[in-house]
PDB file of N, CA and C in Angstrom:
ATOM      1  N   MET A   1      13.905  -0.916  14.390  1.00  0.00           N
ATOM      2  CA  MET A   1      12.808  -1.784  13.999  1.00  0.00           C
ATOM      3  C   MET A   1      13.172  -2.456  12.677  1.00  0.00           C
ATOM      4  N   SER A   2      12.904  -3.705  12.582  1.00  0.00           N
ATOM      5  CA  SER A   2      13.163  -4.438  11.351  1.00  0.00           C
ATOM      6  C   SER A   2      12.054  -4.138  10.341  1.00  0.00           C
ATOM      7  N   PHE A   3      12.281  -4.549   9.119  1.00  0.00           N
ATOM      8  CA  PHE A   3      11.319  -4.327   8.053  1.00  0.00           C
ATOM      9  C   PHE A   3      10.996  -5.657   7.400  1.00  0.00           C
ATOM     10  N   ALA A   4       9.713  -5.876   7.106  1.00  0.00           N
ATOM     11  CA  ALA A   4       9.302  -7.109   6.440  1.00  0.00           C
ATOM     12  C   ALA A   4       8.031  -6.848   5.654  1.00  0.00           C
ATOM     13  N   VAL A   5       7.889  -7.583   4.563  1.00  0.00           N
ATOM     14  CA  VAL A   5       6.668  -7.554   3.756  1.00  0.00           C
ATOM     15  C   VAL A   5       6.270  -8.993   3.480  1.00  0.00           C
ATOM     16  N   SER A   6       5.021  -9.311   3.752  1.00  0.00           N
ATOM     17  CA  SER A   6       4.501 -10.630   3.393  1.00  0.00           C
ATOM     18  C   SER A   6       3.320 -10.428   2.454  1.00  0.00           C
ATOM     19  N   ALA A   7       3.075 -11.413   1.617  1.00  0.00           N
ATOM     20  CA  ALA A   7       2.006 -11.310   0.626  1.00  0.00           C
ATOM     21  C   ALA A   7       1.129 -12.541   0.654  1.00  0.00           C
ATOM     22  N   GLU A   8      -0.144 -12.335   0.383  1.00  0.00           N
ATOM     23  CA  GLU A   8      -1.101 -13.429   0.237  1.00  0.00           C
ATOM     24  C   GLU A   8      -2.195 -12.966  -0.716  1.00  0.00           C
ATOM     25  N   VAL A   9      -2.924 -13.915  -1.250  1.00  0.00           N
ATOM     26  CA  VAL A   9      -4.041 -13.603  -2.134  1.00  0.00           C
ATOM     27  C   VAL A   9      -5.334 -13.858  -1.371  1.00  0.00           C
ATOM     28  N   ARG A  10      -6.228 -12.870  -1.422  1.00  0.00           N
ATOM     29  CA  ARG A  10      -7.564 -13.006  -0.824  1.00  0.00           C
ATOM     30  C   ARG A  10      -8.569 -12.588  -1.884  1.00  0.00           C
ATOM     31  N   GLY A  11      -9.301 -13.545  -2.401  1.00  0.00           N
ATOM     32  CA  GLY A  11     -10.264 -13.238  -3.465  1.00  0.00           C
ATOM     33  C   GLY A  11      -9.541 -12.704  -4.679  1.00  0.00           C
ATOM     34  N   ASN A  12      -9.944 -11.509  -5.117  1.00  0.00           N
ATOM     35  CA  ASN A  12      -9.288 -10.893  -6.269  1.00  0.00           C
ATOM     36  C   ASN A  12      -8.293  -9.812  -5.841  1.00  0.00           C
ATOM     37  N   ALA A  13      -7.722  -9.980  -4.656  1.00  0.00           N
ATOM     38  CA  ALA A  13      -6.798  -8.974  -4.148  1.00  0.00           C
ATOM     39  C   ALA A  13      -5.466  -9.595  -3.716  1.00  0.00           C
ATOM     40  N   ALA A  14      -4.399  -8.890  -4.060  1.00  0.00           N
ATOM     41  CA  ALA A  14      -3.083  -9.200  -3.498  1.00  0.00           C
ATOM     42  C   ALA A  14      -2.978  -8.368  -2.232  1.00  0.00           C
ATOM     43  N   VAL A  15      -2.796  -9.022  -1.101  1.00  0.00           N
ATOM     44  CA  VAL A  15      -2.718  -8.335   0.182  1.00  0.00           C
ATOM     45  C   VAL A  15      -1.283  -8.396   0.677  1.00  0.00           C
ATOM     46  N   LEU A  16      -0.674  -7.224   0.829  1.00  0.00           N
ATOM     47  CA  LEU A  16       0.684  -7.136   1.359  1.00  0.00           C
ATOM     48  C   LEU A  16       0.620  -6.572   2.765  1.00  0.00           C
ATOM     49  N   THR A  17       1.240  -7.258   3.697  1.00  0.00           N
ATOM     50  CA  THR A  17       1.324  -6.786   5.072  1.00  0.00           C
ATOM     51  C   THR A  17       2.728  -6.273   5.293  1.00  0.00           C
ATOM     52  N   VAL A  18       2.810  -5.014   5.697  1.00  0.00           N
ATOM     53  CA  VAL A  18       4.102  -4.334   5.839  1.00  0.00           C
ATOM     54  C   VAL A  18       4.373  -4.083   7.320  1.00  0.00           C
ATOM     55  N   LEU A  19       5.605  -4.366   7.730  1.00  0.00           N
ATOM     56  CA  LEU A  19       6.022  -4.161   9.110  1.00  0.00           C
ATOM     57  C   LEU A  19       7.267  -3.283   9.116  1.00  0.00           C
ATOM     58  N   GLY A  20       7.161  -2.102   9.716  1.00  0.00           N
ATOM     59  CA  GLY A  20       8.316  -1.223   9.846  1.00  0.00           C
ATOM     60  C   GLY A  20       8.194   0.042   9.028  1.00  0.00           C
ATOM     61  N   ASP A  21       9.172   0.917   9.188  1.00  0.00           N
ATOM     62  CA  ASP A  21       9.207   2.178   8.463  1.00  0.00           C
ATOM     63  C   ASP A  21       9.413   1.944   6.976  1.00  0.00           C
ATOM     64  N   VAL A  22       8.710   2.714   6.159  1.00  0.00           N
ATOM     65  CA  VAL A  22       8.917   2.677   4.708  1.00  0.00           C
ATOM     66  C   VAL A  22       9.683   3.948   4.362  1.00  0.00           C
ATOM     67  N   ASP A  23      10.977   3.776   4.111  1.00  0.00           N
ATOM     68  CA  ASP A  23      11.853   4.914   3.882  1.00  0.00           C
ATOM     69  C   ASP A  23      12.846   4.598   2.764  1.00  0.00           C
ATOM     70  N   LEU A  24      13.854   5.419   2.638  1.00  0.00           N
ATOM     71  CA  LEU A  24      14.837   5.260   1.564  1.00  0.00           C
ATOM     72  C   LEU A  24      15.437   3.858   1.534  1.00  0.00           C
ATOM     73  N   ALA A  25      15.662   3.278   2.692  1.00  0.00           N
ATOM     74  CA  ALA A  25      16.291   1.952   2.763  1.00  0.00           C
ATOM     75  C   ALA A  25      15.317   0.820   2.448  1.00  0.00           C
ATOM     76  N   THR A  26      14.037   1.005   2.772  1.00  0.00           N
ATOM     77  CA  THR A  26      13.086  -0.107   2.661  1.00  0.00           C
ATOM     78  C   THR A  26      12.087   0.016   1.517  1.00  0.00           C
ATOM     79  N   ALA A  27      11.898   1.205   0.981  1.00  0.00           N
ATOM     80  CA  ALA A  27      10.930   1.394  -0.110  1.00  0.00           C
ATOM     81  C   ALA A  27      11.201   0.481  -1.304  1.00  0.00           C
ATOM     82  N   PRO A  28      12.469   0.261  -1.700  1.00  0.00           N
ATOM     83  CA  PRO A  28      12.700  -0.659  -2.814  1.00  0.00           C
ATOM     84  C   PRO A  28      12.219  -2.083  -2.527  1.00  0.00           C
ATOM     85  N   VAL A  29      12.286  -2.512  -1.285  1.00  0.00           N
ATOM     86  CA  VAL A  29      11.800  -3.843  -0.918  1.00  0.00           C
ATOM     87  C   VAL A  29      10.287  -3.904  -1.096  1.00  0.00           C
ATOM     88  N   LEU A  30       9.595  -2.858  -0.655  1.00  0.00           N
ATOM     89  CA  LEU A  30       8.143  -2.808  -0.824  1.00  0.00           C
ATOM     90  C   LEU A  30       7.784  -2.760  -2.306  1.00  0.00           C
ATOM     91  N   ASP A  31       8.482  -1.952  -3.071  1.00  0.00           N
ATOM     92  CA  ASP A  31       8.224  -1.853  -4.504  1.00  0.00           C
ATOM     93  C   ASP A  31       8.389  -3.209  -5.188  1.00  0.00           C
ATOM     94  N   SER A  32       9.437  -3.910  -4.841  1.00  0.00           N
ATOM     95  CA  SER A  32       9.687  -5.235  -5.409  1.00  0.00           C
ATOM     96  C   SER A  32       8.595  -6.224  -5.004  1.00  0.00           C
ATOM     97  N   ALA A  33       8.179  -6.154  -3.746  1.00  0.00           N
ATOM     98  CA  ALA A  33       7.125  -7.058  -3.257  1.00  0.00           C
ATOM     99  C   ALA A  33       5.807  -6.796  -3.995  1.00  0.00           C
ATOM    100  N   ILE A  34       5.515  -5.531  -4.253  1.00  0.00           N
ATOM    101  CA  ILE A  34       4.302  -5.190  -5.000  1.00  0.00           C
ATOM    102  C   ILE A  34       4.383  -5.769  -6.406  1.00  0.00           C
ATOM    103  N   SER A  35       5.514  -5.572  -7.062  1.00  0.00           N
ATOM    104  CA  SER A  35       5.696  -6.091  -8.428  1.00  0.00           C
ATOM    105  C   SER A  35       5.572  -7.604  -8.478  1.00  0.00           C
ATOM    106  N   ASP A  36       6.110  -8.280  -7.482  1.00  0.00           N
ATOM    107  CA  ASP A  36       6.076  -9.742  -7.443  1.00  0.00           C
ATOM    108  C   ASP A  36       4.683 -10.300  -7.140  1.00  0.00           C
ATOM    109  N   ALA A  37       3.931  -9.609  -6.286  1.00  0.00           N
ATOM    110  CA  ALA A  37       2.674 -10.166  -5.778  1.00  0.00           C
ATOM    111  C   ALA A  37       1.427  -9.716  -6.523  1.00  0.00           C
ATOM    112  N   TRP A  38       1.497  -8.588  -7.220  1.00  0.00           N
ATOM    113  CA  TRP A  38       0.294  -7.960  -7.760  1.00  0.00           C
ATOM    114  C   TRP A  38       0.265  -7.965  -9.275  1.00  0.00           C
ATOM    115  N   THR A  39      -0.817  -8.479  -9.819  1.00  0.00           N
ATOM    116  CA  THR A  39      -1.037  -8.457 -11.258  1.00  0.00           C
ATOM    117  C   THR A  39      -2.385  -7.798 -11.530  1.00  0.00           C
ATOM    118  N   PRO A  40      -2.372  -6.526 -11.952  1.00  0.00           N
ATOM    119  CA  PRO A  40      -3.649  -5.895 -12.304  1.00  0.00           C
ATOM    120  C   PRO A  40      -4.305  -6.663 -13.440  1.00  0.00           C
ATOM    121  N   PRO A  41      -5.615  -6.727 -13.493  1.00  0.00           N
ATOM    122  CA  PRO A  41      -6.554  -5.841 -12.818  1.00  0.00           C
ATOM    123  C   PRO A  41      -6.970  -6.285 -11.420  1.00  0.00           C
ATOM    124  N   ASP A  42      -6.283  -7.248 -10.836  1.00  0.00           N
ATOM    125  CA  ASP A  42      -6.575  -7.571  -9.434  1.00  0.00           C
ATOM    126  C   ASP A  42      -6.351  -6.331  -8.578  1.00  0.00           C
ATOM    127  N   GLN A  43      -6.890  -6.378  -7.393  1.00  0.00           N
ATOM    128  CA  GLN A  43      -6.755  -5.263  -6.461  1.00  0.00           C
ATOM    129  C   GLN A  43      -5.467  -5.418  -5.654  1.00  0.00           C
ATOM    130  N   LEU A  44      -4.927  -4.298  -5.205  1.00  0.00           N
ATOM    131  CA  LEU A  44      -3.770  -4.292  -4.319  1.00  0.00           C
ATOM    132  C   LEU A  44      -4.198  -3.692  -2.997  1.00  0.00           C
ATOM    133  N   VAL A  45      -4.032  -4.451  -1.928  1.00  0.00           N
ATOM    134  CA  VAL A  45      -4.346  -3.980  -0.583  1.00  0.00           C
ATOM    135  C   VAL A  45      -3.052  -4.031   0.223  1.00  0.00           C
ATOM    136  N   ILE A  46      -2.683  -2.893   0.787  1.00  0.00           N
ATOM    137  CA  ILE A  46      -1.473  -2.809   1.596  1.00  0.00           C
ATOM    138  C   ILE A  46      -1.887  -2.579   3.043  1.00  0.00           C
ATOM    139  N   ASP A  47      -1.619  -3.560   3.877  1.00  0.00           N
ATOM    140  CA  ASP A  47      -1.909  -3.448   5.304  1.00  0.00           C
ATOM    141  C   ASP A  47      -0.749  -2.706   5.955  1.00  0.00           C
ATOM    142  N   ALA A  48      -1.007  -1.441   6.285  1.00  0.00           N
ATOM    143  CA  ALA A  48       0.025  -0.566   6.848  1.00  0.00           C
ATOM    144  C   ALA A  48      -0.161  -0.355   8.350  1.00  0.00           C
ATOM    145  N   THR A  49      -0.877  -1.259   8.989  1.00  0.00           N
ATOM    146  CA  THR A  49      -1.145  -1.141  10.417  1.00  0.00           C
ATOM    147  C   THR A  49       0.141  -1.016  11.229  1.00  0.00           C
ATOM    148  N   SER A  50       1.192  -1.698  10.795  1.00  0.00           N
ATOM    149  CA  SER A  50       2.466  -1.695  11.523  1.00  0.00           C
ATOM    150  C   SER A  50       3.528  -0.846  10.833  1.00  0.00           C
ATOM    151  N   VAL A  51       3.076   0.216  10.154  1.00  0.00           N
ATOM    152  CA  VAL A  51       3.994   1.163   9.510  1.00  0.00           C
ATOM    153  C   VAL A  51       3.904   2.491  10.267  1.00  0.00           C
ATOM    154  N   PRO A  52       4.858   2.753  11.165  1.00  0.00           N
ATOM    155  CA  PRO A  52       4.787   3.984  11.943  1.00  0.00           C
ATOM    156  C   PRO A  52       5.248   5.229  11.189  1.00  0.00           C
ATOM    157  N   PHE A  53       6.021   5.040  10.104  1.00  0.00           N
ATOM    158  CA  PHE A  53       6.603   6.177   9.388  1.00  0.00           C
ATOM    159  C   PHE A  53       6.736   5.842   7.912  1.00  0.00           C
ATOM    160  N   MET A  54       6.453   6.838   7.056  1.00  0.00           N
ATOM    161  CA  MET A  54       6.654   6.677   5.624  1.00  0.00           C
ATOM    162  C   MET A  54       7.201   7.997   5.080  1.00  0.00           C
ATOM    163  N   ASP A  55       8.335   7.922   4.375  1.00  0.00           N
ATOM    164  CA  ASP A  55       8.902   9.131   3.793  1.00  0.00           C
ATOM    165  C   ASP A  55       8.537   9.241   2.316  1.00  0.00           C
ATOM    166  N   SER A  56       9.148  10.197   1.632  1.00  0.00           N
ATOM    167  CA  SER A  56       8.796  10.459   0.235  1.00  0.00           C
ATOM    168  C   SER A  56       9.094   9.281  -0.683  1.00  0.00           C
ATOM    169  N   THR A  57      10.088   8.467  -0.367  1.00  0.00           N
ATOM    170  CA  THR A  57      10.344   7.304  -1.222  1.00  0.00           C
ATOM    171  C   THR A  57       9.224   6.276  -1.083  1.00  0.00           C
ATOM    172  N   GLY A  58       8.687   6.138   0.102  1.00  0.00           N
ATOM    173  CA  GLY A  58       7.533   5.266   0.304  1.00  0.00           C
ATOM    174  C   GLY A  58       6.316   5.806  -0.427  1.00  0.00           C
ATOM    175  N   LEU A  59       6.120   7.116  -0.368  1.00  0.00           N
ATOM    176  CA  LEU A  59       5.017   7.724  -1.103  1.00  0.00           C
ATOM    177  C   LEU A  59       5.175   7.492  -2.603  1.00  0.00           C
ATOM    178  N   GLY A  60       6.409   7.543  -3.078  1.00  0.00           N
ATOM    179  CA  GLY A  60       6.677   7.281  -4.492  1.00  0.00           C
ATOM    180  C   GLY A  60       6.262   5.879  -4.899  1.00  0.00           C
ATOM    181  N   VAL A  61       6.484   4.917  -4.025  1.00  0.00           N
ATOM    182  CA  VAL A  61       6.064   3.533  -4.301  1.00  0.00           C
ATOM    183  C   VAL A  61       4.543   3.468  -4.419  1.00  0.00           C
ATOM    184  N   LEU A  62       3.843   4.165  -3.539  1.00  0.00           N
ATOM    185  CA  LEU A  62       2.377   4.182  -3.606  1.00  0.00           C
ATOM    186  C   LEU A  62       1.894   4.844  -4.890  1.00  0.00           C
ATOM    187  N   VAL A  63       2.513   5.970  -5.246  1.00  0.00           N
ATOM    188  CA  VAL A  63       2.121   6.670  -6.473  1.00  0.00           C
ATOM    189  C   VAL A  63       2.347   5.771  -7.690  1.00  0.00           C
ATOM    190  N   LYS A  64       3.462   5.067  -7.717  1.00  0.00           N
ATOM    191  CA  LYS A  64       3.747   4.141  -8.822  1.00  0.00           C
ATOM    192  C   LYS A  64       2.662   3.074  -8.921  1.00  0.00           C
ATOM    193  N   ALA A  65       2.236   2.535  -7.786  1.00  0.00           N
ATOM    194  CA  ALA A  65       1.186   1.514  -7.780  1.00  0.00           C
ATOM    195  C   ALA A  65      -0.143   2.093  -8.260  1.00  0.00           C
ATOM    196  N   VAL A  66      -0.481   3.294  -7.816  1.00  0.00           N
ATOM    197  CA  VAL A  66      -1.724   3.938  -8.242  1.00  0.00           C
ATOM    198  C   VAL A  66      -1.697   4.182  -9.749  1.00  0.00           C
ATOM    199  N   MET A  67      -0.581   4.640 -10.268  1.00  0.00           N
ATOM    200  CA  MET A  67      -0.465   4.878 -11.709  1.00  0.00           C
ATOM    201  C   MET A  67      -0.609   3.572 -12.494  1.00  0.00           C
ATOM    202  N   ARG A  68      -0.008   2.514 -11.981  1.00  0.00           N
ATOM    203  CA  ARG A  68      -0.125   1.205 -12.635  1.00  0.00           C
ATOM    204  C   ARG A  68      -1.575   0.729 -12.633  1.00  0.00           C
ATOM    205  N   ALA A  69      -2.261   0.939 -11.517  1.00  0.00           N
ATOM    206  CA  ALA A  69      -3.668   0.545 -11.432  1.00  0.00           C
ATOM    207  C   ALA A  69      -4.504   1.324 -12.440  1.00  0.00           C
ATOM    208  N   ARG A  70      -4.216   2.585 -12.608  1.00  0.00           N
ATOM    209  CA  ARG A  70      -4.957   3.397 -13.583  1.00  0.00           C
ATOM    210  C   ARG A  70      -4.724   2.915 -15.005  1.00  0.00           C
ATOM    211  N   GLU A  71      -3.498   2.525 -15.298  1.00  0.00           N
ATOM    212  CA  GLU A  71      -3.145   2.090 -16.646  1.00  0.00           C
ATOM    213  C   GLU A  71      -3.656   0.684 -16.965  1.00  0.00           C
ATOM    214  N   GLU A  72      -3.584  -0.211 -15.971  1.00  0.00           N
ATOM    215  CA  GLU A  72      -3.862  -1.621 -16.219  1.00  0.00           C
ATOM    216  C   GLU A  72      -5.145  -2.119 -15.572  1.00  0.00           C
ATOM    217  N   GLY A  73      -5.813  -1.271 -14.820  1.00  0.00           N
ATOM    218  CA  GLY A  73      -7.027  -1.665 -14.115  1.00  0.00           C
ATOM    219  C   GLY A  73      -6.713  -2.048 -12.691  1.00  0.00           C
ATOM    220  N   GLY A  74      -7.743  -2.271 -11.939  1.00  0.00           N
ATOM    221  CA  GLY A  74      -7.552  -2.606 -10.533  1.00  0.00           C
ATOM    222  C   GLY A  74      -7.627  -1.365  -9.672  1.00  0.00           C
ATOM    223  N   GLY A  75      -7.244  -1.508  -8.446  1.00  0.00           N
ATOM    224  CA  GLY A  75      -7.268  -0.405  -7.507  1.00  0.00           C
ATOM    225  C   GLY A  75      -6.263  -0.649  -6.409  1.00  0.00           C
ATOM    226  N   VAL A  76      -5.973   0.414  -5.671  1.00  0.00           N
ATOM    227  CA  VAL A  76      -5.015   0.342  -4.574  1.00  0.00           C
ATOM    228  C   VAL A  76      -5.702   0.832  -3.312  1.00  0.00           C
ATOM    229  N   ALA A  77      -5.538   0.077  -2.239  1.00  0.00           N
ATOM    230  CA  ALA A  77      -6.111   0.452  -0.949  1.00  0.00           C
ATOM    231  C   ALA A  77      -5.072   0.287   0.142  1.00  0.00           C
ATOM    232  N   LEU A  78      -5.154   1.157   1.123  1.00  0.00           N
ATOM    233  CA  LEU A  78      -4.323   1.054   2.324  1.00  0.00           C
ATOM    234  C   LEU A  78      -5.214   0.720   3.500  1.00  0.00           C
ATOM    235  N   VAL A  79      -4.665  -0.018   4.432  1.00  0.00           N
ATOM    236  CA  VAL A  79      -5.408  -0.439   5.618  1.00  0.00           C
ATOM    237  C   VAL A  79      -4.621  -0.038   6.866  1.00  0.00           C
ATOM    238  N   GLY A  80      -5.349   0.434   7.874  1.00  0.00           N
ATOM    239  CA  GLY A  80      -4.751   0.673   9.178  1.00  0.00           C
ATOM    240  C   GLY A  80      -3.694   1.753   9.210  1.00  0.00           C
ATOM    241  N   VAL A  81      -3.900   2.812   8.456  1.00  0.00           N
ATOM    242  CA  VAL A  81      -2.904   3.877   8.354  1.00  0.00           C
ATOM    243  C   VAL A  81      -2.855   4.651   9.674  1.00  0.00           C
ATOM    244  N   THR A  82      -1.656   4.805  10.222  1.00  0.00           N
ATOM    245  CA  THR A  82      -1.493   5.579  11.453  1.00  0.00           C
ATOM    246  C   THR A  82      -1.760   7.055  11.169  1.00  0.00           C
ATOM    247  N   SER A  83      -2.030   7.813  12.205  1.00  0.00           N
ATOM    248  CA  SER A  83      -2.307   9.241  12.020  1.00  0.00           C
ATOM    249  C   SER A  83      -1.101   9.963  11.416  1.00  0.00           C
ATOM    250  N   ARG A  84       0.094   9.550  11.781  1.00  0.00           N
ATOM    251  CA  ARG A  84       1.309  10.171  11.250  1.00  0.00           C
ATOM    252  C   ARG A  84       1.432   9.937   9.737  1.00  0.00           C
ATOM    253  N   VAL A  85       1.201   8.716   9.307  1.00  0.00           N
ATOM    254  CA  VAL A  85       1.265   8.395   7.878  1.00  0.00           C
ATOM    255  C   VAL A  85       0.087   9.036   7.154  1.00  0.00           C
ATOM    256  N   HIS A  86      -1.080   9.019   7.760  1.00  0.00           N
ATOM    257  CA  HIS A  86      -2.250   9.633   7.122  1.00  0.00           C
ATOM    258  C   HIS A  86      -2.025  11.122   6.888  1.00  0.00           C
ATOM    259  N   LYS A  87      -1.384  11.776   7.809  1.00  0.00           N
ATOM    260  CA  LYS A  87      -1.104  13.205   7.655  1.00  0.00           C
ATOM    261  C   LYS A  87      -0.248  13.450   6.410  1.00  0.00           C
ATOM    262  N   VAL A  88       0.772  12.634   6.199  1.00  0.00           N
ATOM    263  CA  VAL A  88       1.637  12.776   5.028  1.00  0.00           C
ATOM    264  C   VAL A  88       0.843  12.496   3.749  1.00  0.00           C
ATOM    265  N   LEU A  89       0.003  11.465   3.766  1.00  0.00           N
ATOM    266  CA  LEU A  89      -0.829  11.161   2.608  1.00  0.00           C
ATOM    267  C   LEU A  89      -1.771  12.319   2.290  1.00  0.00           C
ATOM    268  N   SER A  90      -2.319  12.926   3.315  1.00  0.00           N
ATOM    269  CA  SER A  90      -3.260  14.026   3.144  1.00  0.00           C
ATOM    270  C   SER A  90      -2.557  15.289   2.642  1.00  0.00           C
ATOM    271  N   ILE A  91      -1.430  15.629   3.227  1.00  0.00           N
ATOM    272  CA  ILE A  91      -0.683  16.829   2.818  1.00  0.00           C
ATOM    273  C   ILE A  91      -0.279  16.750   1.351  1.00  0.00           C
ATOM    274  N   THR A  92       0.120  15.576   0.917  1.00  0.00           N
ATOM    275  CA  THR A  92       0.577  15.403  -0.460  1.00  0.00           C
ATOM    276  C   THR A  92      -0.576  15.162  -1.440  1.00  0.00           C
ATOM    277  N   GLY A  93      -1.771  14.880  -0.928  1.00  0.00           N
ATOM    278  CA  GLY A  93      -2.928  14.630  -1.783  1.00  0.00           C
ATOM    279  C   GLY A  93      -3.020  13.208  -2.294  1.00  0.00           C
ATOM    280  N   ILE A  94      -2.107  12.359  -1.876  1.00  0.00           N
ATOM    281  CA  ILE A  94      -2.128  10.966  -2.335  1.00  0.00           C
ATOM    282  C   ILE A  94      -3.368  10.240  -1.834  1.00  0.00           C
ATOM    283  N   ASP A  95      -3.876  10.670  -0.689  1.00  0.00           N
ATOM    284  CA  ASP A  95      -5.063  10.017  -0.134  1.00  0.00           C
ATOM    285  C   ASP A  95      -6.294  10.165  -1.039  1.00  0.00           C
ATOM    286  N   GLU A  96      -6.260  11.085  -1.990  1.00  0.00           N
ATOM    287  CA  GLU A  96      -7.366  11.260  -2.920  1.00  0.00           C
ATOM    288  C   GLU A  96      -7.322  10.262  -4.078  1.00  0.00           C
ATOM    289  N   HIS A  97      -6.215   9.523  -4.193  1.00  0.00           N
ATOM    290  CA  HIS A  97      -6.022   8.624  -5.325  1.00  0.00           C
ATOM    291  C   HIS A  97      -6.025   7.144  -4.951  1.00  0.00           C
ATOM    292  N   LEU A  98      -6.251   6.859  -3.683  1.00  0.00           N
ATOM    293  CA  LEU A  98      -6.365   5.484  -3.225  1.00  0.00           C
ATOM    294  C   LEU A  98      -7.379   5.444  -2.101  1.00  0.00           C
ATOM    295  N   SER A  99      -7.816   4.266  -1.770  1.00  0.00           N
ATOM    296  CA  SER A  99      -8.809   4.101  -0.713  1.00  0.00           C
ATOM    297  C   SER A  99      -8.108   3.726   0.588  1.00  0.00           C
ATOM    298  N   ILE A 100      -8.667   4.193   1.694  1.00  0.00           N
ATOM    299  CA  ILE A 100      -8.120   3.875   3.012  1.00  0.00           C
ATOM    300  C   ILE A 100      -9.224   3.220   3.835  1.00  0.00           C
ATOM    301  N   TYR A 101      -8.900   2.057   4.388  1.00  0.00           N
ATOM    302  CA  TYR A 101      -9.872   1.278   5.162  1.00  0.00           C
ATOM    303  C   TYR A 101      -9.316   0.951   6.540  1.00  0.00           C
ATOM    304  N   ASP A 102     -10.224   0.539   7.416  1.00  0.00           N
ATOM    305  CA  ASP A 102      -9.843   0.157   8.775  1.00  0.00           C
ATOM    306  C   ASP A 102      -9.403  -1.292   8.882  1.00  0.00           C
ATOM    307  N   SER A 103      -9.873  -2.134   7.955  1.00  0.00           N
ATOM    308  CA  SER A 103      -9.529  -3.558   8.031  1.00  0.00           C
ATOM    309  C   SER A 103      -9.250  -4.121   6.638  1.00  0.00           C
ATOM    310  N   VAL A 104      -8.482  -5.186   6.606  1.00  0.00           N
ATOM    311  CA  VAL A 104      -8.185  -5.854   5.351  1.00  0.00           C
ATOM    312  C   VAL A 104      -9.473  -6.426   4.748  1.00  0.00           C
ATOM    313  N   ALA A 105     -10.313  -7.013   5.571  1.00  0.00           N
ATOM    314  CA  ALA A 105     -11.573  -7.580   5.076  1.00  0.00           C
ATOM    315  C   ALA A 105     -12.415  -6.519   4.388  1.00  0.00           C
ATOM    316  N   GLU A 106     -12.507  -5.359   4.969  1.00  0.00           N
ATOM    317  CA  GLU A 106     -13.279  -4.257   4.383  1.00  0.00           C
ATOM    318  C   GLU A 106     -12.647  -3.810   3.062  1.00  0.00           C
ATOM    319  N   ALA A 107     -11.335  -3.723   3.020  1.00  0.00           N
ATOM    320  CA  ALA A 107     -10.645  -3.307   1.799  1.00  0.00           C
ATOM    321  C   ALA A 107     -10.844  -4.307   0.682  1.00  0.00           C
ATOM    322  N   VAL A 108     -10.705  -5.587   0.996  1.00  0.00           N
ATOM    323  CA  VAL A 108     -10.882  -6.635  -0.014  1.00  0.00           C
ATOM    324  C   VAL A 108     -12.313  -6.624  -0.537  1.00  0.00           C
ATOM    325  N   ARG A 109     -13.247  -6.414   0.343  1.00  0.00           N
ATOM    326  CA  ARG A 109     -14.660  -6.402  -0.029  1.00  0.00           C
ATOM    327  C   ARG A 109     -15.014  -5.200  -0.912  1.00  0.00           C
ATOM    328  N   ASN A 110     -14.346  -4.061  -0.710  1.00  0.00           N
ATOM    329  CA  ASN A 110     -14.744  -2.830  -1.381  1.00  0.00           C
ATOM    330  C   ASN A 110     -13.836  -2.349  -2.509  1.00  0.00           C
ATOM    331  N   THR A 111     -12.713  -3.027  -2.738  1.00  0.00           N
ATOM    332  CA  THR A 111     -11.826  -2.548  -3.809  1.00  0.00           C
ATOM    333  C   THR A 111     -12.053  -3.325  -5.079  1.00  0.00           C
TER     334      THR A 111
END
C-alpha cells in the first residue's frame, strides 16, 4: 500500500488526511506534514480513516503533536480510527490525550 498525506484548512483547523500504514518508513512524512500544515493555536485534525496500521513511531508523532498543542494551544483530534489502531491508542493511553471522532466535520466543530 502506498502512503500519502494531504492537508487543507477548514475553519480554525488544519485537516490532514492520511492514506496507508504509519510506521518507521512513513512516520517522518506525517511528522513533516504536521509541521508544515499546522500552526497552533489552530486545531489539528488527522483523518485516519484509511490508516490500517500504526506502530510506535506513528504513536510518537501523535504524542509530539499533543505535546505541542499543550505548549502552544490548540488541540489534536483523530477521525475514523480503525479498531486495530484504536486498540494501540488505548493500550498506550494516548487516547486519553486527544479526541477521537467519527467524522472530520464533527472533529472540526468540536476541537
